[in-house]
Amino acid sequence: MTSTAFESATPDPIVYLDRVAATGLGRSYKARMLAELGIRPGHRVLDLGCGPGTDLASLAQAATATGTVIGVDHDRAMATAARERTADQRTVSVLLGDLHQLPLPDRTADRARTDRVLQHVADPAGALREAHRVLRPGGRLVMSEPDWETLAVDHPDSGLSRAYTQYVTDRAVRNARIGRQLPRLATEAGFTVPEVIPVTPVFRDARAADRILGLERTTRRAVTAGHLTEEAARRWLDHLSTGPFLAAVTLYVVVAES
């Protein structure tokens, strides 16, 4: 089942996040998120689930020397990396903390963002209530999340494509449909939602798609979970690695106001 065209080892999480951020897709949707945040000089800005601090510098630049930026992440290695990367940014601090119970007082932030984080948390609705709690009235939260049920990978056997997407949606990602759910969940948490922006990257190069989607690694897990047989997985990967390739998935950028 292994294909030499695809990555078989799971990349280090920090390496993977840096990789995504460096792609054209990553730069594009992150720039759109930053524009939608509308950060002004002096703002206090939160990066909730900041990872290794990929976006902290751009937030600090927007808030200027008169503002402050706080990154929050529950993973100690991520928080440590974020602190190291922003050590020369005096307006940036990084906290080790849980999005379900933010170590921040009520109504003290002007802007907040989450970037592909809520698909993984235990309680997205609870995390959104916490974000609402810490934002001032009139504050803004900008979120981006994929909807993995929109994942479409072309293959001559459409049943294999459906089985693969079903595995991703039902087993591989904790909150796989969070993209479509965000406007409702944000509204229920007390926000208004003035804008929802769909971003649908189309991958035509199998190797480039694999570096984002982990096609072979995910296929192997689908076999273990019983969603694909070994023979079906071989046919699936053989075509993806040799035939004309197309895959797409929709990411939603959601703007919410407190």
Protein backbone atom coordinates (compact mmCIF):
# COMPACT_ATOMS: atom_id res chain seq x y z
CA MET A 1 0.00 0.00 0.00
CA THR A 2 2.93 2.37 0.55
CA SER A 3 3.61 4.79 -2.30
CA THR A 4 6.97 6.46 -2.80
CA ALA A 5 5.09 9.52 -4.08
CA PHE A 6 3.69 10.36 -0.67
CA GLU A 7 4.98 11.12 2.82
CA SER A 8 4.73 8.07 5.07
CA ALA A 9 6.08 9.44 8.37
CA THR A 10 3.96 11.83 10.40
CA PRO A 11 5.71 15.22 10.43
CA ASP A 12 6.56 17.01 13.65
CA PRO A 13 3.51 19.17 14.57
CA ILE A 14 5.50 22.40 14.55
CA VAL A 15 7.09 21.53 11.21
CA TYR A 16 3.64 20.77 9.80
CA LEU A 17 2.11 24.06 10.97
CA ASP A 18 5.05 26.00 9.55
CA ARG A 19 4.67 24.11 6.29
CA VAL A 20 1.01 25.00 5.90
CA ALA A 21 1.65 28.64 6.78
CA ALA A 22 4.32 28.88 4.07
CA THR A 23 2.05 27.69 1.25
CA GLY A 24 0.22 30.08 -1.04
CA LEU A 25 -3.03 28.91 0.53
CA GLY A 26 -1.73 29.56 4.04
CA ARG A 27 -0.47 33.03 3.23
CA SER A 28 -3.69 33.92 1.42
CA TYR A 29 -6.29 32.92 4.01
CA LYS A 30 -4.18 34.19 6.91
CA ALA A 31 -3.91 37.58 5.21
CA ARG A 32 -7.70 37.59 4.80
CA MET A 33 -8.14 36.78 8.49
CA LEU A 34 -5.81 39.63 9.44
CA ALA A 35 -7.72 42.06 7.24
CA GLU A 36 -11.07 40.98 8.71
CA LEU A 37 -9.77 41.43 12.27
CA GLY A 38 -9.39 45.16 11.62
CA ILE A 39 -6.72 45.58 14.27
CA ARG A 40 -5.99 49.19 15.18
CA PRO A 41 -3.00 50.67 17.02
CA GLY A 42 -3.39 50.14 20.76
CA HIS A 43 -5.63 47.09 20.49
CA ARG A 44 -5.24 44.10 22.77
CA VAL A 45 -5.26 41.05 20.49
CA LEU A 46 -5.57 37.36 21.38
CA ASP A 47 -4.33 34.43 19.31
CA LEU A 48 -6.28 31.53 20.80
CA GLY A 49 -4.46 28.31 20.02
CA CYS A 50 -1.39 30.19 18.80
CA GLY A 51 0.67 27.06 18.13
CA PRO A 52 4.37 27.87 17.63
CA GLY A 53 3.59 31.57 17.24
CA THR A 54 3.35 31.64 13.46
CA ASP A 55 1.03 34.65 13.39
CA LEU A 56 2.01 36.57 16.51
CA ALA A 57 4.46 38.90 14.76
CA SER A 58 1.92 40.01 12.14
CA LEU A 59 -0.66 40.67 14.86
CA ALA A 60 1.90 42.70 16.83
CA GLN A 61 2.78 44.73 13.76
CA ALA A 62 -0.89 45.59 13.24
CA ALA A 63 -1.41 46.53 16.90
CA THR A 64 1.82 48.62 16.84
CA ALA A 65 4.03 49.37 19.83
CA THR A 66 1.02 50.83 21.66
CA GLY A 67 -0.91 47.54 21.56
CA THR A 68 -0.43 44.10 23.07
CA VAL A 69 -0.71 40.59 21.68
CA ILE A 70 -1.30 37.50 23.80
CA GLY A 71 -0.91 33.98 22.45
CA VAL A 72 -2.58 31.11 24.29
CA ASP A 73 -1.89 27.42 23.71
CA HIS A 74 -2.47 24.31 25.82
CA ASP A 75 0.57 22.49 24.43
CA ARG A 76 3.76 23.24 26.34
CA ALA A 77 6.08 22.61 23.36
CA MET A 78 4.01 24.94 21.17
CA ALA A 79 3.93 27.66 23.82
CA THR A 80 7.68 27.36 24.35
CA ALA A 81 8.34 27.66 20.61
CA ALA A 82 6.04 30.69 20.42
CA ARG A 83 7.88 32.39 23.28
CA GLU A 84 11.25 31.73 21.65
CA ARG A 85 10.11 33.07 18.29
CA THR A 86 8.73 36.28 19.78
CA ALA A 87 11.45 36.90 22.37
CA ASP A 88 12.39 40.13 20.62
CA GLN A 89 8.78 41.39 20.51
CA ARG A 90 8.20 43.26 23.75
CA THR A 91 4.45 43.68 23.11
CA VAL A 92 3.91 39.92 22.73
CA SER A 93 3.37 37.41 25.53
CA VAL A 94 2.45 33.73 25.43
CA LEU A 95 0.37 31.92 28.03
CA LEU A 96 0.01 28.20 28.62
CA GLY A 97 -3.74 27.77 28.87
CA ASP A 98 -6.92 25.97 27.85
CA LEU A 99 -9.33 27.56 25.37
CA HIS A 100 -12.19 26.16 27.46
CA GLN A 101 -10.97 28.13 30.51
CA LEU A 102 -8.91 31.07 29.35
CA PRO A 103 -6.46 32.53 31.91
CA LEU A 104 -7.74 36.03 31.12
CA PRO A 105 -10.18 38.45 32.81
CA ASP A 106 -13.59 39.38 31.43
CA ARG A 107 -13.96 42.00 28.69
CA THR A 108 -10.30 42.93 28.32
CA ALA A 109 -9.52 42.10 24.67
CA ASP A 110 -10.40 44.02 21.51
CA ARG A 111 -9.70 41.31 18.94
CA ALA A 112 -9.25 37.54 18.93
CA ARG A 113 -8.58 34.85 16.37
CA THR A 114 -8.62 31.07 16.13
CA ASP A 115 -7.03 29.31 13.19
CA ARG A 116 -7.89 25.66 12.51
CA VAL A 117 -8.04 25.02 16.25
CA LEU A 118 -11.72 24.44 17.00
CA GLN A 119 -11.80 21.31 14.84
CA HIS A 120 -9.65 19.67 17.52
CA VAL A 121 -11.01 20.92 20.87
CA ALA A 122 -13.31 18.92 23.13
CA ASP A 123 -16.05 21.58 23.31
CA PRO A 124 -16.09 24.19 20.52
CA ALA A 125 -19.22 25.85 21.92
CA GLY A 126 -17.55 26.24 25.32
CA ALA A 127 -14.42 27.69 23.72
CA LEU A 128 -16.55 30.23 21.86
CA ARG A 129 -18.31 31.24 25.08
CA GLU A 130 -14.90 31.84 26.64
CA ALA A 131 -13.84 33.96 23.68
CA HIS A 132 -17.02 36.00 24.06
CA ARG A 133 -16.35 36.41 27.78
CA VAL A 134 -12.90 37.91 27.33
CA LEU A 135 -13.79 40.24 24.45
CA ARG A 136 -15.02 43.74 25.11
CA PRO A 137 -18.44 44.76 23.78
CA GLY A 138 -17.89 45.61 20.14
CA GLY A 139 -14.88 43.30 19.96
CA ARG A 140 -14.26 40.98 17.06
CA LEU A 141 -13.37 37.31 16.73
CA VAL A 142 -12.20 35.92 13.38
CA MET A 143 -12.04 32.16 12.96
CA SER A 144 -10.99 29.80 10.19
CA GLU A 145 -11.98 26.15 10.08
CA PRO A 146 -12.27 23.51 7.37
CA ASP A 147 -15.42 21.52 6.73
CA TRP A 148 -13.97 18.09 6.05
CA GLU A 149 -17.24 16.73 4.68
CA THR A 150 -16.59 18.98 1.66
CA LEU A 151 -13.36 17.11 0.92
CA ALA A 152 -13.52 15.90 -2.67
CA VAL A 153 -10.77 13.76 -4.18
CA ASP A 154 -11.20 12.61 -7.76
CA HIS A 155 -10.79 8.89 -8.44
CA PRO A 156 -12.23 6.57 -11.12
CA ASP A 157 -13.90 4.61 -8.32
CA SER A 158 -16.14 7.19 -6.64
CA GLY A 159 -16.92 4.72 -3.87
CA LEU A 160 -13.33 4.88 -2.72
CA SER A 161 -13.49 8.66 -2.64
CA ARG A 162 -16.64 8.54 -0.54
CA ALA A 163 -15.14 5.98 1.84
CA TYR A 164 -12.00 8.07 2.29
CA THR A 165 -13.92 11.28 2.98
CA GLN A 166 -16.27 9.45 5.34
CA TYR A 167 -13.31 8.17 7.33
CA VAL A 168 -11.83 11.68 7.58
CA THR A 169 -15.20 13.10 8.62
CA ASP A 170 -16.33 10.38 11.01
CA ARG A 171 -13.07 9.20 12.55
CA ALA A 172 -9.96 11.21 11.73
CA VAL A 173 -10.99 14.71 12.84
CA ARG A 174 -12.79 15.34 16.13
CA ASN A 175 -15.06 18.17 14.91
CA ALA A 176 -14.90 17.55 11.18
CA ARG A 177 -17.97 19.64 10.24
CA ILE A 178 -17.02 22.65 12.37
CA GLY A 179 -16.65 24.93 9.34
CA ARG A 180 -20.37 24.94 8.58
CA GLN A 181 -21.28 24.96 12.27
CA LEU A 182 -19.28 28.03 13.28
CA PRO A 183 -21.89 30.71 12.44
CA ARG A 184 -24.53 28.90 14.50
CA LEU A 185 -22.22 28.12 17.41
CA ALA A 186 -20.91 31.69 17.50
CA THR A 187 -24.44 33.08 17.51
CA GLU A 188 -25.40 30.74 20.35
CA ALA A 189 -22.32 31.95 22.29
CA GLY A 190 -23.58 35.54 22.12
CA PHE A 191 -21.88 36.84 18.97
CA THR A 192 -23.38 38.34 15.87
CA VAL A 193 -21.96 36.98 12.62
CA PRO A 194 -21.80 39.63 9.88
CA GLU A 195 -19.73 37.66 7.39
CA VAL A 196 -18.83 34.11 6.36
CA ILE A 197 -16.13 33.76 3.71
CA PRO A 198 -15.63 30.40 1.95
CA VAL A 199 -12.10 29.58 0.79
CA THR A 200 -11.83 26.52 -1.45
CA PRO A 201 -8.30 25.57 -2.50
CA VAL A 202 -8.03 23.20 -5.44
CA PHE A 203 -4.99 20.92 -5.50
CA ARG A 204 -3.79 19.70 -8.89
CA ASP A 205 -0.46 18.32 -7.71
CA ALA A 206 -0.67 15.11 -5.69
CA ARG A 207 2.55 15.67 -3.77
CA ALA A 208 1.60 19.21 -2.80
CA ALA A 209 -1.80 17.97 -1.64
CA ASP A 210 -0.19 15.16 0.34
CA ARG A 211 1.96 17.65 2.27
CA ILE A 212 -1.24 19.28 3.51
CA LEU A 213 -3.70 16.38 3.59
CA GLY A 214 -1.44 13.45 4.51
CA LEU A 215 -3.05 11.19 1.91
CA GLU A 216 -1.07 8.03 2.56
CA ARG A 217 -0.99 8.35 6.35
CA THR A 218 -4.74 8.92 6.43
CA THR A 219 -5.34 6.01 4.05
CA ARG A 220 -3.38 3.67 6.32
CA ARG A 221 -5.47 4.73 9.30
CA ALA A 222 -8.64 4.20 7.24
CA VAL A 223 -7.55 0.62 6.57
CA THR A 224 -6.92 0.02 10.26
CA ALA A 225 -10.36 1.44 11.06
CA GLY A 226 -12.03 -0.80 8.49
CA HIS A 227 -13.15 1.95 6.10
CA LEU A 228 -10.93 0.61 3.30
CA THR A 229 -9.51 -2.82 2.51
CA GLU A 230 -5.81 -3.25 1.79
CA GLU A 231 -6.59 -3.86 -1.87
CA ALA A 232 -8.86 -0.81 -2.10
CA ALA A 233 -6.21 1.33 -0.43
CA ARG A 234 -3.61 0.13 -2.95
CA ARG A 235 -5.88 1.04 -5.89
CA TRP A 236 -6.69 4.40 -4.27
CA LEU A 237 -3.07 5.42 -3.72
CA ASP A 238 -1.83 4.01 -7.03
CA HIS A 239 -4.19 6.24 -8.99
CA LEU A 240 -3.62 9.31 -6.81
CA SER A 241 0.14 9.02 -7.28
CA THR A 242 0.12 8.34 -11.05
CA GLY A 243 -3.09 9.65 -12.61
CA PRO A 244 -4.36 13.18 -13.15
CA PHE A 245 -5.00 14.57 -9.68
CA LEU A 246 -7.64 16.89 -8.26
CA ALA A 247 -8.70 17.47 -4.67
CA ALA A 248 -10.54 20.30 -2.96
CA VAL A 249 -11.87 21.18 0.48
CA THR A 250 -13.65 24.27 1.77
CA LEU A 251 -12.27 26.36 4.64
CA TYR A 252 -14.60 28.94 6.19
CA VAL A 253 -13.39 32.25 7.56
CA VAL A 254 -16.07 33.45 9.99
CA VAL A 255 -16.27 36.96 11.40
CA ALA A 256 -18.06 37.30 14.75
CA GLU A 257 -18.70 40.44 16.81
CA SER A 258 -19.36 40.63 20.53
